[in-house]
């Protein structure tokens, strides 16, 4: 499982009616073409693609930063 890819996502802050401002990580999926949104924080994620075979073992989410 060392071949799990890293996907770079951008941080977005949305205003949630229940919790107020909430940080998320989002990216445009190169495999299914849809935008995927995950809770904020880097690390392993399960794919949100409707075809579960596209990212069989998921991916590592890393925040894309302008300062790096």
Protein backbone atom coordinates (compact mmCIF):
# COMPACT_ATOMS: atom_id res chain seq x y z
CA UNK A 1 0.00 0.00 0.00
CA UNK A 2 3.01 2.30 -0.36
CA UNK A 3 1.77 3.34 -3.79
CA UNK A 4 -1.08 5.46 -2.43
CA UNK A 5 -0.98 8.77 -4.33
CA UNK A 6 -0.86 12.24 -2.84
CA UNK A 7 -3.54 14.70 -3.95
CA UNK A 8 -3.10 18.42 -3.36
CA UNK A 9 -6.20 20.31 -2.23
CA UNK A 10 -6.98 23.92 -1.41
CA UNK A 11 -8.37 25.16 1.87
CA UNK A 12 -11.80 26.75 1.73
CA UNK A 13 -13.77 28.25 4.57
CA UNK A 14 -17.53 27.92 4.37
CA UNK A 15 -20.15 29.34 6.69
CA UNK A 16 -22.07 26.47 8.25
CA UNK A 17 -25.44 27.40 9.75
CA UNK A 18 -24.87 25.14 12.77
CA UNK A 19 -21.13 25.56 13.40
CA UNK A 20 -20.23 28.92 11.85
CA UNK A 21 -17.04 29.14 9.74
CA UNK A 22 -15.74 25.67 8.86
CA UNK A 23 -12.48 24.86 7.05
CA UNK A 24 -12.50 22.23 4.30
CA UNK A 25 -10.05 20.83 1.77
CA UNK A 26 -11.28 20.58 -1.82
CA UNK A 27 -9.88 19.51 -5.19
CA UNK A 28 -11.04 18.73 -8.71
CA UNK A 29 -10.66 14.98 -9.12
CA UNK A 30 -8.48 14.02 -12.09
CA UNK A 31 -10.12 10.59 -12.27
CA UNK A 32 -13.87 11.33 -12.22
CA UNK A 33 -13.85 15.07 -12.99
CA UNK A 34 -15.96 16.09 -9.99
CA UNK A 35 -15.01 18.35 -7.09
CA UNK A 36 -14.34 16.44 -3.86
CA UNK A 37 -14.57 18.06 -0.44
CA UNK A 38 -13.11 16.66 2.78
CA UNK A 39 -12.87 17.88 6.33
CA UNK A 40 -9.84 20.03 7.02
CA UNK A 41 -6.60 18.24 7.78
CA UNK A 42 -3.98 16.37 5.83
CA UNK A 43 -3.82 12.59 5.73
CA UNK A 44 -5.31 9.47 4.19
CA UNK A 45 -8.82 9.75 2.76
CA UNK A 46 -11.29 7.41 1.11
CA UNK A 47 -12.33 8.55 -2.34
CA UNK A 48 -15.67 10.27 -2.92
CA UNK A 49 -15.84 9.07 -6.54
CA UNK A 50 -19.01 7.16 -7.38
CA UNK A 51 -16.77 4.49 -8.99
CA UNK A 52 -14.86 3.05 -6.01
CA UNK A 53 -12.29 1.40 -8.28
CA UNK A 54 -10.81 4.73 -9.39
CA UNK A 55 -8.88 5.23 -6.12
CA UNK A 56 -8.82 1.65 -4.84
CA UNK A 57 -6.78 2.46 -1.71
CA UNK A 58 -7.77 6.11 -1.40
CA UNK A 59 -5.26 8.93 -1.40
CA UNK A 60 -3.24 11.14 0.89
CA UNK A 61 -4.61 14.64 1.05
CA UNK A 62 -2.09 17.46 1.33
CA UNK A 63 -2.91 21.14 1.50
CA UNK A 64 -1.67 23.17 -1.46
CA UNK A 65 -0.13 26.38 -0.14
CA UNK A 66 0.92 29.45 -2.08
CA UNK A 67 3.90 30.08 0.20
CA UNK A 68 5.65 26.80 -0.64
